[in-house]
Amino acid sequence: MVDSMSTFNNSNEINIIRSIFIETLNDEFNSKTGVGIYVYLAPMDINQLFKDYLHQNRTIRFFAERCVKKYITLS
């Protein structure tokens, strides 16, 4: 029972972090472009960015700022 509870807590933690990540990324897009994240990115792209974020050692805000700069430059 302890293992399944630990897995639940880890899963719940990841979902909370994912929600904060998406909210922060959306806020950054909105403040820099006037529109939200889904104007620039598909949900699958956002999920990939979240996976990328998990493998680096930066804050969500820093990662979000870099993403917005990248996508604004590309458009």
Protein backbone atom coordinates (compact mmCIF):
# COMPACT_ATOMS: atom_id res chain seq x y z
CA MET A 1 0.00 0.00 0.00
CA VAL A 2 2.88 2.37 0.71
CA ASP A 3 4.26 1.97 -2.83
CA SER A 4 0.94 2.77 -4.49
CA MET A 5 0.44 5.79 -2.20
CA SER A 6 3.93 7.02 -3.07
CA THR A 7 3.14 6.64 -6.77
CA PHE A 8 -0.11 8.56 -6.29
CA ASN A 9 1.73 11.37 -4.50
CA ASN A 10 4.38 11.51 -7.24
CA SER A 11 1.71 11.53 -9.94
CA ASN A 12 -0.25 14.23 -8.15
CA GLU A 13 2.93 16.28 -7.71
CA ILE A 14 3.73 16.05 -11.44
CA ASN A 15 0.19 17.15 -12.32
CA ILE A 16 0.51 20.17 -10.03
CA ILE A 17 3.88 21.09 -11.53
CA ARG A 18 2.47 20.63 -15.06
CA SER A 19 -0.43 22.96 -14.24
CA ILE A 20 1.91 25.60 -12.85
CA PHE A 21 4.16 25.20 -15.89
CA ILE A 22 1.30 25.70 -18.36
CA GLU A 23 -0.09 28.65 -16.41
CA THR A 24 3.33 30.31 -16.26
CA LEU A 25 4.01 29.70 -19.94
CA ASN A 26 0.58 31.04 -20.85
CA ASP A 27 1.09 34.15 -18.71
CA GLU A 28 4.44 34.78 -20.38
CA PHE A 29 2.98 34.44 -23.88
CA ASN A 30 0.07 36.68 -22.91
CA SER A 31 2.30 39.40 -21.44
CA LYS A 32 4.69 39.42 -24.41
CA THR A 33 2.28 38.88 -27.31
CA GLY A 34 -1.18 39.74 -26.03
CA VAL A 35 -2.45 36.22 -26.73
CA GLY A 36 -2.23 32.91 -24.91
CA ILE A 37 -0.07 29.90 -25.47
CA TYR A 38 -2.53 27.95 -27.62
CA VAL A 39 -2.28 30.54 -30.40
CA TYR A 40 1.35 29.51 -30.87
CA LEU A 41 1.51 25.90 -29.67
CA ALA A 42 -0.54 22.71 -29.88
CA PRO A 43 -1.17 20.73 -26.67
CA MET A 44 1.34 18.08 -27.77
CA ASP A 45 4.01 20.76 -28.21
CA ILE A 46 3.29 22.10 -24.72
CA ASN A 47 3.59 18.60 -23.29
CA GLN A 48 6.96 18.18 -25.01
CA LEU A 49 8.12 21.51 -23.60
CA PHE A 50 7.07 20.31 -20.15
CA LYS A 51 9.12 17.13 -20.60
CA ASP A 52 12.07 19.27 -21.74
CA TYR A 53 11.65 21.49 -18.70
CA LEU A 54 11.76 18.48 -16.37
CA HIS A 55 15.19 17.55 -17.75
CA GLN A 56 16.87 20.88 -17.14
CA ASN A 57 17.87 22.77 -14.06
CA ARG A 58 16.08 26.13 -14.51
CA THR A 59 13.06 27.78 -12.95
CA ILE A 60 9.73 27.56 -14.72
CA ARG A 61 9.76 31.35 -15.24
CA PHE A 62 13.22 31.29 -16.87
CA PHE A 63 12.21 28.38 -19.13
CA ALA A 64 8.96 30.14 -20.08
CA GLU A 65 10.79 33.38 -20.95
CA ARG A 66 13.18 31.47 -23.21
CA CYS A 67 10.32 29.65 -24.94
CA VAL A 68 8.43 32.84 -25.65
CA LYS A 69 11.53 34.55 -27.03
CA LYS A 70 12.15 31.54 -29.28
CA TYR A 71 8.59 31.40 -30.63
CA ILE A 72 8.29 35.16 -31.10
CA THR A 73 11.54 35.14 -33.09
CA LEU A 74 10.31 32.25 -35.27
CA SER A 75 7.00 33.94 -36.18
